[in-house]
């Protein structure tokens, strides 16, 4: 994200040296290159500045990472439960 934001800001300075482009258009151009899931959230939040949009994107990405990690934990817990059940079934068969 930081690399993309830096590149975008550098290009913006080159393209809009006098800062005449409406900030809404700048933000729209910035978020159009994001994944649709993130783009939608940023658009709905209607950020007033590019820095606000960048902050929203960082927060959303952080939230998505946390959600993904939580899902992975649940999957691992389910797999451990299944393995325990299989081990217990094998132990009962041998008794």
PDB file of N, CA and C in Angstrom:
ATOM      1  N   UNK A   1       0.823  -1.195   0.000  1.00  0.00           N
ATOM      2  CA  UNK A   1       0.000   0.000   0.000  1.00  0.00           C
ATOM      3  C   UNK A   1       0.861   1.251   0.000  1.00  0.00           C
ATOM      4  N   UNK A   2       1.876   1.284   0.849  1.00  0.00           N
ATOM      5  CA  UNK A   2       2.713   2.473   0.948  1.00  0.00           C
ATOM      6  C   UNK A   2       3.438   2.761  -0.363  1.00  0.00           C
ATOM      7  N   UNK A   3       3.880   1.702  -1.043  1.00  0.00           N
ATOM      8  CA  UNK A   3       4.551   1.891  -2.334  1.00  0.00           C
ATOM      9  C   UNK A   3       3.585   2.484  -3.356  1.00  0.00           C
ATOM     10  N   UNK A   4       2.379   1.937  -3.398  1.00  0.00           N
ATOM     11  CA  UNK A   4       1.378   2.438  -4.340  1.00  0.00           C
ATOM     12  C   UNK A   4       1.056   3.896  -4.035  1.00  0.00           C
ATOM     13  N   UNK A   5       0.850   4.212  -2.767  1.00  0.00           N
ATOM     14  CA  UNK A   5       0.526   5.589  -2.388  1.00  0.00           C
ATOM     15  C   UNK A   5       1.667   6.536  -2.757  1.00  0.00           C
ATOM     16  N   UNK A   6       2.885   6.132  -2.502  1.00  0.00           N
ATOM     17  CA  UNK A   6       4.038   6.980  -2.840  1.00  0.00           C
ATOM     18  C   UNK A   6       4.129   7.230  -4.340  1.00  0.00           C
ATOM     19  N   UNK A   7       3.977   6.162  -5.120  1.00  0.00           N
ATOM     20  CA  UNK A   7       4.022   6.311  -6.579  1.00  0.00           C
ATOM     21  C   UNK A   7       2.895   7.215  -7.073  1.00  0.00           C
ATOM     22  N   UNK A   8       1.714   7.025  -6.524  1.00  0.00           N
ATOM     23  CA  UNK A   8       0.570   7.832  -6.927  1.00  0.00           C
ATOM     24  C   UNK A   8       0.823   9.305  -6.617  1.00  0.00           C
ATOM     25  N   UNK A   9       1.327   9.593  -5.422  1.00  0.00           N
ATOM     26  CA  UNK A   9       1.588  10.978  -5.036  1.00  0.00           C
ATOM     27  C   UNK A   9       2.645  11.616  -5.932  1.00  0.00           C
ATOM     28  N   UNK A  10       3.675  10.834  -6.279  1.00  0.00           N
ATOM     29  CA  UNK A  10       4.709  11.343  -7.190  1.00  0.00           C
ATOM     30  C   UNK A  10       4.112  11.678  -8.554  1.00  0.00           C
ATOM     31  N   UNK A  11       3.291  10.784  -9.061  1.00  0.00           N
ATOM     32  CA  UNK A  11       2.650  11.026 -10.360  1.00  0.00           C
ATOM     33  C   UNK A  11       1.680  12.199 -10.300  1.00  0.00           C
ATOM     34  N   UNK A  12       0.992  12.311  -9.198  1.00  0.00           N
ATOM     35  CA  UNK A  12       0.043  13.419  -9.053  1.00  0.00           C
ATOM     36  C   UNK A  12       0.779  14.758  -9.145  1.00  0.00           C
ATOM     37  N   UNK A  13       1.933  14.849  -8.502  1.00  0.00           N
ATOM     38  CA  UNK A  13       2.715  16.085  -8.546  1.00  0.00           C
ATOM     39  C   UNK A  13       3.114  16.405  -9.985  1.00  0.00           C
ATOM     40  N   UNK A  14       3.470  15.374 -10.740  1.00  0.00           N
ATOM     41  CA  UNK A  14       3.867  15.589 -12.132  1.00  0.00           C
ATOM     42  C   UNK A  14       2.683  16.005 -13.004  1.00  0.00           C
ATOM     43  N   UNK A  15       1.548  15.363 -12.790  1.00  0.00           N
ATOM     44  CA  UNK A  15       0.376  15.589 -13.638  1.00  0.00           C
ATOM     45  C   UNK A  15      -0.386  16.851 -13.239  1.00  0.00           C
ATOM     46  N   UNK A  16      -0.445  17.128 -11.963  1.00  0.00           N
ATOM     47  CA  UNK A  16      -1.258  18.249 -11.455  1.00  0.00           C
ATOM     48  C   UNK A  16      -0.371  19.186 -10.633  1.00  0.00           C
ATOM     49  N   UNK A  17       0.603  19.777 -11.282  1.00  0.00           N
ATOM     50  CA  UNK A  17       1.590  20.621 -10.602  1.00  0.00           C
ATOM     51  C   UNK A  17       0.965  21.812  -9.887  1.00  0.00           C
ATOM     52  N   UNK A  18      -0.089  22.337 -10.437  1.00  0.00           N
ATOM     53  CA  UNK A  18      -0.728  23.519  -9.842  1.00  0.00           C
ATOM     54  C   UNK A  18      -1.873  23.166  -8.891  1.00  0.00           C
ATOM     55  N   UNK A  19      -2.068  21.888  -8.680  1.00  0.00           N
ATOM     56  CA  UNK A  19      -3.083  21.427  -7.729  1.00  0.00           C
ATOM     57  C   UNK A  19      -4.485  21.936  -8.086  1.00  0.00           C
ATOM     58  N   UNK A  20      -4.828  21.850  -9.366  1.00  0.00           N
ATOM     59  CA  UNK A  20      -6.139  22.339  -9.814  1.00  0.00           C
ATOM     60  C   UNK A  20      -7.186  21.230  -9.939  1.00  0.00           C
ATOM     61  N   UNK A  21      -6.737  19.991  -9.977  1.00  0.00           N
ATOM     62  CA  UNK A  21      -7.677  18.874 -10.104  1.00  0.00           C
ATOM     63  C   UNK A  21      -8.490  18.748  -8.813  1.00  0.00           C
ATOM     64  N   UNK A  22      -9.779  18.572  -8.964  1.00  0.00           N
ATOM     65  CA  UNK A  22     -10.657  18.411  -7.794  1.00  0.00           C
ATOM     66  C   UNK A  22     -10.212  17.202  -6.980  1.00  0.00           C
ATOM     67  N   UNK A  23     -10.212  17.356  -5.676  1.00  0.00           N
ATOM     68  CA  UNK A  23      -9.746  16.278  -4.799  1.00  0.00           C
ATOM     69  C   UNK A  23     -10.601  15.030  -4.961  1.00  0.00           C
ATOM     70  N   UNK A  24     -11.899  15.205  -5.253  1.00  0.00           N
ATOM     71  CA  UNK A  24     -12.769  14.043  -5.476  1.00  0.00           C
ATOM     72  C   UNK A  24     -12.248  13.200  -6.640  1.00  0.00           C
ATOM     73  N   UNK A  25     -11.787  13.865  -7.694  1.00  0.00           N
ATOM     74  CA  UNK A  25     -11.266  13.144  -8.854  1.00  0.00           C
ATOM     75  C   UNK A  25      -9.935  12.463  -8.524  1.00  0.00           C
ATOM     76  N   UNK A  26      -9.119  13.136  -7.743  1.00  0.00           N
ATOM     77  CA  UNK A  26      -7.832  12.557  -7.337  1.00  0.00           C
ATOM     78  C   UNK A  26      -8.075  11.292  -6.521  1.00  0.00           C
ATOM     79  N   UNK A  27      -8.972  11.385  -5.557  1.00  0.00           N
ATOM     80  CA  UNK A  27      -9.286  10.226  -4.707  1.00  0.00           C
ATOM     81  C   UNK A  27      -9.884   9.104  -5.545  1.00  0.00           C
ATOM     82  N   UNK A  28     -10.785   9.444  -6.454  1.00  0.00           N
ATOM     83  CA  UNK A  28     -11.390   8.434  -7.325  1.00  0.00           C
ATOM     84  C   UNK A  28     -10.327   7.705  -8.138  1.00  0.00           C
ATOM     85  N   UNK A  29      -9.409   8.459  -8.724  1.00  0.00           N
ATOM     86  CA  UNK A  29      -8.314   7.829  -9.484  1.00  0.00           C
ATOM     87  C   UNK A  29      -7.470   6.932  -8.591  1.00  0.00           C
ATOM     88  N   UNK A  30      -7.243   7.380  -7.373  1.00  0.00           N
ATOM     89  CA  UNK A  30      -6.424   6.607  -6.433  1.00  0.00           C
ATOM     90  C   UNK A  30      -7.085   5.277  -6.081  1.00  0.00           C
ATOM     91  N   UNK A  31      -8.363   5.312  -5.750  1.00  0.00           N
ATOM     92  CA  UNK A  31      -9.026   4.088  -5.291  1.00  0.00           C
ATOM     93  C   UNK A  31      -9.410   3.150  -6.428  1.00  0.00           C
ATOM     94  N   UNK A  32      -9.458   3.650  -7.665  1.00  0.00           N
ATOM     95  CA  UNK A  32      -9.843   2.797  -8.791  1.00  0.00           C
ATOM     96  C   UNK A  32      -8.865   1.656  -9.019  1.00  0.00           C
ATOM     97  N   UNK A  33      -7.649   1.771  -8.579  1.00  0.00           N
ATOM     98  CA  UNK A  33      -6.653   0.726  -8.784  1.00  0.00           C
ATOM     99  C   UNK A  33      -6.637  -0.309  -7.660  1.00  0.00           C
ATOM    100  N   UNK A  34      -7.485  -0.142  -6.674  1.00  0.00           N
ATOM    101  CA  UNK A  34      -7.519  -1.059  -5.536  1.00  0.00           C
ATOM    102  C   UNK A  34      -8.434  -2.243  -5.835  1.00  0.00           C
ATOM    103  N   UNK A  35      -8.323  -3.263  -5.015  1.00  0.00           N
ATOM    104  CA  UNK A  35      -9.249  -4.386  -5.132  1.00  0.00           C
ATOM    105  C   UNK A  35     -10.661  -3.860  -4.906  1.00  0.00           C
ATOM    106  N   UNK A  36     -11.617  -4.430  -5.631  1.00  0.00           N
ATOM    107  CA  UNK A  36     -12.994  -3.915  -5.588  1.00  0.00           C
ATOM    108  C   UNK A  36     -13.564  -3.908  -4.176  1.00  0.00           C
ATOM    109  N   UNK A  37     -13.209  -4.893  -3.410  1.00  0.00           N
ATOM    110  CA  UNK A  37     -13.684  -4.996  -2.025  1.00  0.00           C
ATOM    111  C   UNK A  37     -13.248  -3.766  -1.217  1.00  0.00           C
ATOM    112  N   UNK A  38     -11.993  -3.383  -1.349  1.00  0.00           N
ATOM    113  CA  UNK A  38     -11.457  -2.237  -0.615  1.00  0.00           C
ATOM    114  C   UNK A  38     -11.965  -0.946  -1.233  1.00  0.00           C
ATOM    115  N   UNK A  39     -11.993  -0.888  -2.539  1.00  0.00           N
ATOM    116  CA  UNK A  39     -12.451   0.305  -3.247  1.00  0.00           C
ATOM    117  C   UNK A  39     -13.868   0.680  -2.810  1.00  0.00           C
ATOM    118  N   UNK A  40     -14.741  -0.291  -2.691  1.00  0.00           N
ATOM    119  CA  UNK A  40     -16.128  -0.026  -2.299  1.00  0.00           C
ATOM    120  C   UNK A  40     -16.202   0.593  -0.909  1.00  0.00           C
ATOM    121  N   UNK A  41     -15.429   0.058   0.007  1.00  0.00           N
ATOM    122  CA  UNK A  41     -15.453   0.571   1.382  1.00  0.00           C
ATOM    123  C   UNK A  41     -14.945   2.008   1.428  1.00  0.00           C
ATOM    124  N   UNK A  42     -13.857   2.275   0.722  1.00  0.00           N
ATOM    125  CA  UNK A  42     -13.300   3.632   0.702  1.00  0.00           C
ATOM    126  C   UNK A  42     -14.310   4.599   0.068  1.00  0.00           C
ATOM    127  N   UNK A  43     -14.928   4.178  -1.004  1.00  0.00           N
ATOM    128  CA  UNK A  43     -15.905   5.025  -1.694  1.00  0.00           C
ATOM    129  C   UNK A  43     -17.070   5.369  -0.770  1.00  0.00           C
ATOM    130  N   UNK A  44     -17.562   4.391  -0.039  1.00  0.00           N
ATOM    131  CA  UNK A  44     -18.688   4.608   0.873  1.00  0.00           C
ATOM    132  C   UNK A  44     -18.302   5.564   2.005  1.00  0.00           C
ATOM    133  N   UNK A  45     -17.068   5.491   2.450  1.00  0.00           N
ATOM    134  CA  UNK A  45     -16.600   6.374   3.531  1.00  0.00           C
ATOM    135  C   UNK A  45     -16.474   7.830   3.076  1.00  0.00           C
ATOM    136  N   UNK A  46     -16.408   8.052   1.758  1.00  0.00           N
ATOM    137  CA  UNK A  46     -16.363   9.392   1.177  1.00  0.00           C
ATOM    138  C   UNK A  46     -15.284  10.274   1.817  1.00  0.00           C
ATOM    139  N   UNK A  47     -14.016   9.866   1.717  1.00  0.00           N
ATOM    140  CA  UNK A  47     -12.947  10.649   2.348  1.00  0.00           C
ATOM    141  C   UNK A  47     -12.810  12.028   1.708  1.00  0.00           C
ATOM    142  N   UNK A  48     -12.521  13.019   2.550  1.00  0.00           N
ATOM    143  CA  UNK A  48     -12.395  14.397   2.071  1.00  0.00           C
ATOM    144  C   UNK A  48     -11.001  14.701   1.544  1.00  0.00           C
ATOM    145  N   UNK A  49     -10.013  13.893   1.964  1.00  0.00           N
ATOM    146  CA  UNK A  49      -8.641  14.124   1.511  1.00  0.00           C
ATOM    147  C   UNK A  49      -8.027  12.803   1.069  1.00  0.00           C
ATOM    148  N   UNK A  50      -6.943  12.918   0.335  1.00  0.00           N
ATOM    149  CA  UNK A  50      -6.227  11.716  -0.096  1.00  0.00           C
ATOM    150  C   UNK A  50      -5.604  11.009   1.100  1.00  0.00           C
ATOM    151  N   UNK A  51      -5.109  11.767   2.058  1.00  0.00           N
ATOM    152  CA  UNK A  51      -4.535  11.156   3.266  1.00  0.00           C
ATOM    153  C   UNK A  51      -5.583  10.370   4.042  1.00  0.00           C
ATOM    154  N   UNK A  52      -6.790  10.884   4.092  1.00  0.00           N
ATOM    155  CA  UNK A  52      -7.881  10.154   4.756  1.00  0.00           C
ATOM    156  C   UNK A  52      -8.177   8.858   4.009  1.00  0.00           C
ATOM    157  N   UNK A  53      -8.185   8.920   2.693  1.00  0.00           N
ATOM    158  CA  UNK A  53      -8.410   7.705   1.893  1.00  0.00           C
ATOM    159  C   UNK A  53      -7.319   6.678   2.166  1.00  0.00           C
ATOM    160  N   UNK A  54      -6.083   7.123   2.236  1.00  0.00           N
ATOM    161  CA  UNK A  54      -4.964   6.213   2.508  1.00  0.00           C
ATOM    162  C   UNK A  54      -5.123   5.575   3.884  1.00  0.00           C
ATOM    163  N   UNK A  55      -5.513   6.374   4.868  1.00  0.00           N
ATOM    164  CA  UNK A  55      -5.726   5.844   6.225  1.00  0.00           C
ATOM    165  C   UNK A  55      -6.847   4.807   6.234  1.00  0.00           C
ATOM    166  N   UNK A  56      -7.933   5.097   5.540  1.00  0.00           N
ATOM    167  CA  UNK A  56      -9.054   4.141   5.462  1.00  0.00           C
ATOM    168  C   UNK A  56      -8.581   2.837   4.833  1.00  0.00           C
ATOM    169  N   UNK A  57      -7.818   2.940   3.763  1.00  0.00           N
ATOM    170  CA  UNK A  57      -7.332   1.746   3.077  1.00  0.00           C
ATOM    171  C   UNK A  57      -6.447   0.920   4.001  1.00  0.00           C
ATOM    172  N   UNK A  58      -5.553   1.569   4.718  1.00  0.00           N
ATOM    173  CA  UNK A  58      -4.690   0.847   5.666  1.00  0.00           C
ATOM    174  C   UNK A  58      -5.527   0.129   6.721  1.00  0.00           C
ATOM    175  N   UNK A  59      -6.535   0.822   7.249  1.00  0.00           N
ATOM    176  CA  UNK A  59      -7.397   0.208   8.264  1.00  0.00           C
ATOM    177  C   UNK A  59      -8.172  -0.978   7.710  1.00  0.00           C
ATOM    178  N   UNK A  60      -8.706  -0.817   6.503  1.00  0.00           N
ATOM    179  CA  UNK A  60      -9.468  -1.903   5.884  1.00  0.00           C
ATOM    180  C   UNK A  60      -8.556  -3.108   5.639  1.00  0.00           C
ATOM    181  N   UNK A  61      -7.371  -2.837   5.091  1.00  0.00           N
ATOM    182  CA  UNK A  61      -6.443  -3.949   4.842  1.00  0.00           C
ATOM    183  C   UNK A  61      -6.070  -4.649   6.137  1.00  0.00           C
ATOM    184  N   UNK A  62      -5.838  -3.874   7.194  1.00  0.00           N
ATOM    185  CA  UNK A  62      -5.536  -4.467   8.500  1.00  0.00           C
ATOM    186  C   UNK A  62      -6.683  -5.330   9.000  1.00  0.00           C
ATOM    187  N   UNK A  63      -7.895  -4.841   8.830  1.00  0.00           N
ATOM    188  CA  UNK A  63      -9.071  -5.612   9.239  1.00  0.00           C
ATOM    189  C   UNK A  63      -9.225  -6.890   8.437  1.00  0.00           C
ATOM    190  N   UNK A  64      -8.940  -6.820   7.143  1.00  0.00           N
ATOM    191  CA  UNK A  64      -9.034  -8.020   6.301  1.00  0.00           C
ATOM    192  C   UNK A  64      -7.981  -9.049   6.699  1.00  0.00           C
ATOM    193  N   UNK A  65      -6.797  -8.581   7.040  1.00  0.00           N
ATOM    194  CA  UNK A  65      -5.743  -9.501   7.488  1.00  0.00           C
ATOM    195  C   UNK A  65      -6.176 -10.184   8.780  1.00  0.00           C
ATOM    196  N   UNK A  66      -6.714  -9.394   9.719  1.00  0.00           N
ATOM    197  CA  UNK A  66      -7.162  -9.978  10.988  1.00  0.00           C
ATOM    198  C   UNK A  66      -8.285 -10.986  10.770  1.00  0.00           C
ATOM    199  N   UNK A  67      -9.224 -10.661   9.899  1.00  0.00           N
ATOM    200  CA  UNK A  67     -10.332 -11.575   9.615  1.00  0.00           C
ATOM    201  C   UNK A  67      -9.818 -12.866   8.996  1.00  0.00           C
ATOM    202  N   UNK A  68      -8.870 -12.750   8.085  1.00  0.00           N
ATOM    203  CA  UNK A  68      -8.294 -13.926   7.441  1.00  0.00           C
ATOM    204  C   UNK A  68      -7.555 -14.794   8.458  1.00  0.00           C
ATOM    205  N   UNK A  69      -6.809 -14.159   9.352  1.00  0.00           N
ATOM    206  CA  UNK A  69      -6.089 -14.911  10.380  1.00  0.00           C
ATOM    207  C   UNK A  69      -7.069 -15.637  11.293  1.00  0.00           C
ATOM    208  N   UNK A  70      -8.183 -14.987  11.637  1.00  0.00           N
ATOM    209  CA  UNK A  70      -9.193 -15.621  12.489  1.00  0.00           C
ATOM    210  C   UNK A  70      -9.783 -16.846  11.805  1.00  0.00           C
ATOM    211  N   UNK A  71     -10.065 -16.720  10.504  1.00  0.00           N
ATOM    212  CA  UNK A  71     -10.600 -17.859   9.759  1.00  0.00           C
ATOM    213  C   UNK A  71      -9.606 -19.014   9.770  1.00  0.00           C
ATOM    214  N   UNK A  72      -8.330 -18.704   9.615  1.00  0.00           N
ATOM    215  CA  UNK A  72      -7.302 -19.742   9.597  1.00  0.00           C
ATOM    216  C   UNK A  72      -7.232 -20.447  10.948  1.00  0.00           C
ATOM    217  N   UNK A  73      -7.384 -19.683  12.032  1.00  0.00           N
ATOM    218  CA  UNK A  73      -7.374 -20.278  13.369  1.00  0.00           C
ATOM    219  C   UNK A  73      -8.546 -21.239  13.514  1.00  0.00           C
ATOM    220  N   UNK A  74      -9.745 -20.831  13.058  1.00  0.00           N
ATOM    221  CA  UNK A  74     -10.925 -21.703  13.151  1.00  0.00           C
ATOM    222  C   UNK A  74     -10.736 -22.971  12.322  1.00  0.00           C
ATOM    223  N   UNK A  75     -10.143 -22.836  11.159  1.00  0.00           N
ATOM    224  CA  UNK A  75      -9.896 -24.004  10.306  1.00  0.00           C
ATOM    225  C   UNK A  75      -8.938 -24.959  11.019  1.00  0.00           C
ATOM    226  N   UNK A  76      -7.877 -24.423  11.600  1.00  0.00           N
ATOM    227  CA  UNK A  76      -6.917 -25.268  12.318  1.00  0.00           C
ATOM    228  C   UNK A  76      -7.566 -25.947  13.517  1.00  0.00           C
ATOM    229  N   UNK A  77      -8.396 -25.218  14.240  1.00  0.00           N
ATOM    230  CA  UNK A  77      -9.089 -25.814  15.381  1.00  0.00           C
ATOM    231  C   UNK A  77      -9.988 -26.958  14.932  1.00  0.00           C
ATOM    232  N   UNK A  78     -10.699 -26.776  13.818  1.00  0.00           N
ATOM    233  CA  UNK A  78     -11.548 -27.839  13.281  1.00  0.00           C
ATOM    234  C   UNK A  78     -10.721 -29.050  12.870  1.00  0.00           C
ATOM    235  N   UNK A  79      -9.582 -28.803  12.244  1.00  0.00           N
ATOM    236  CA  UNK A  79      -8.715 -29.907  11.827  1.00  0.00           C
ATOM    237  C   UNK A  79      -8.174 -30.662  13.030  1.00  0.00           C
ATOM    238  N   UNK A  80      -7.817 -29.943  14.082  1.00  0.00           N
ATOM    239  CA  UNK A  80      -7.323 -30.591  15.300  1.00  0.00           C
ATOM    240  C   UNK A  80      -8.422 -31.430  15.934  1.00  0.00           C
ATOM    241  N   UNK A  81      -9.639 -30.894  15.956  1.00  0.00           N
ATOM    242  CA  UNK A  81     -10.776 -31.642  16.505  1.00  0.00           C
ATOM    243  C   UNK A  81     -11.008 -32.926  15.706  1.00  0.00           C
ATOM    244  N   UNK A  82     -10.960 -32.832  14.381  1.00  0.00           N
ATOM    245  CA  UNK A  82     -11.151 -34.008  13.535  1.00  0.00           C
ATOM    246  C   UNK A  82     -10.052 -35.040  13.767  1.00  0.00           C
ATOM    247  N   UNK A  83      -8.820 -34.588  13.884  1.00  0.00           N
ATOM    248  CA  UNK A  83      -7.717 -35.519  14.144  1.00  0.00           C
ATOM    249  C   UNK A  83      -7.875 -36.197  15.494  1.00  0.00           C
ATOM    250  N   UNK A  84      -8.277 -35.441  16.506  1.00  0.00           N
ATOM    251  CA  UNK A  84      -8.511 -36.039  17.828  1.00  0.00           C
ATOM    252  C   UNK A  84      -9.601 -37.095  17.767  1.00  0.00           C
ATOM    253  N   UNK A  85     -10.663 -36.813  17.027  1.00  0.00           N
ATOM    254  CA  UNK A  85     -11.753 -37.787  16.886  1.00  0.00           C
ATOM    255  C   UNK A  85     -11.266 -39.045  16.174  1.00  0.00           C
ATOM    256  N   UNK A  86     -10.429 -38.880  15.155  1.00  0.00           N
ATOM    257  CA  UNK A  86      -9.881 -40.025  14.435  1.00  0.00           C
ATOM    258  C   UNK A  86      -8.965 -40.853  15.333  1.00  0.00           C
ATOM    259  N   UNK A  87      -8.138 -40.168  16.112  1.00  0.00           N
ATOM    260  CA  UNK A  87      -7.235 -40.868  17.033  1.00  0.00           C
ATOM    261  C   UNK A  87      -8.050 -41.625  18.076  1.00  0.00           C
ATOM    262  N   UNK A  88      -9.074 -41.002  18.625  1.00  0.00           N
ATOM    263  CA  UNK A  88      -9.925 -41.670  19.624  1.00  0.00           C
ATOM    264  C   UNK A  88     -10.652 -42.866  19.021  1.00  0.00           C
ATOM    265  N   UNK A  89     -11.111 -42.740  17.778  1.00  0.00           N
ATOM    266  CA  UNK A  89     -11.798 -43.852  17.105  1.00  0.00           C
ATOM    267  C   UNK A  89     -10.828 -45.009  16.894  1.00  0.00           C
ATOM    268  N   UNK A  90      -9.605 -44.722  16.492  1.00  0.00           N
ATOM    269  CA  UNK A  90      -8.608 -45.765  16.315  1.00  0.00           C
ATOM    270  C   UNK A  90      -8.266 -46.435  17.637  1.00  0.00           C
ATOM    271  N   UNK A  91      -8.190 -45.648  18.698  1.00  0.00           N
ATOM    272  CA  UNK A  91      -7.877 -46.203  20.012  1.00  0.00           C
ATOM    273  C   UNK A  91      -9.006 -47.116  20.481  1.00  0.00           C
ATOM    274  N   UNK A  92     -10.253 -46.753  20.210  1.00  0.00           N
ATOM    275  CA  UNK A  92     -11.400 -47.597  20.606  1.00  0.00           C
ATOM    276  C   UNK A  92     -11.398 -48.898  19.807  1.00  0.00           C
ATOM    277  N   UNK A  93     -11.033 -48.823  18.523  1.00  0.00           N
ATOM    278  CA  UNK A  93     -11.005 -50.012  17.690  1.00  0.00           C
ATOM    279  C   UNK A  93      -9.946 -51.007  18.190  1.00  0.00           C
ATOM    280  N   UNK A  94      -8.864 -50.516  18.696  1.00  0.00           N
ATOM    281  CA  UNK A  94      -7.769 -51.383  19.157  1.00  0.00           C
ATOM    282  C   UNK A  94      -8.029 -51.952  20.550  1.00  0.00           C
ATOM    283  N   UNK A  95      -8.990 -51.373  21.269  1.00  0.00           N
ATOM    284  CA  UNK A  95      -9.259 -51.862  22.629  1.00  0.00           C
ATOM    285  C   UNK A  95     -10.101 -53.095  22.629  1.00  0.00           C
TER     286      UNK A  95
END
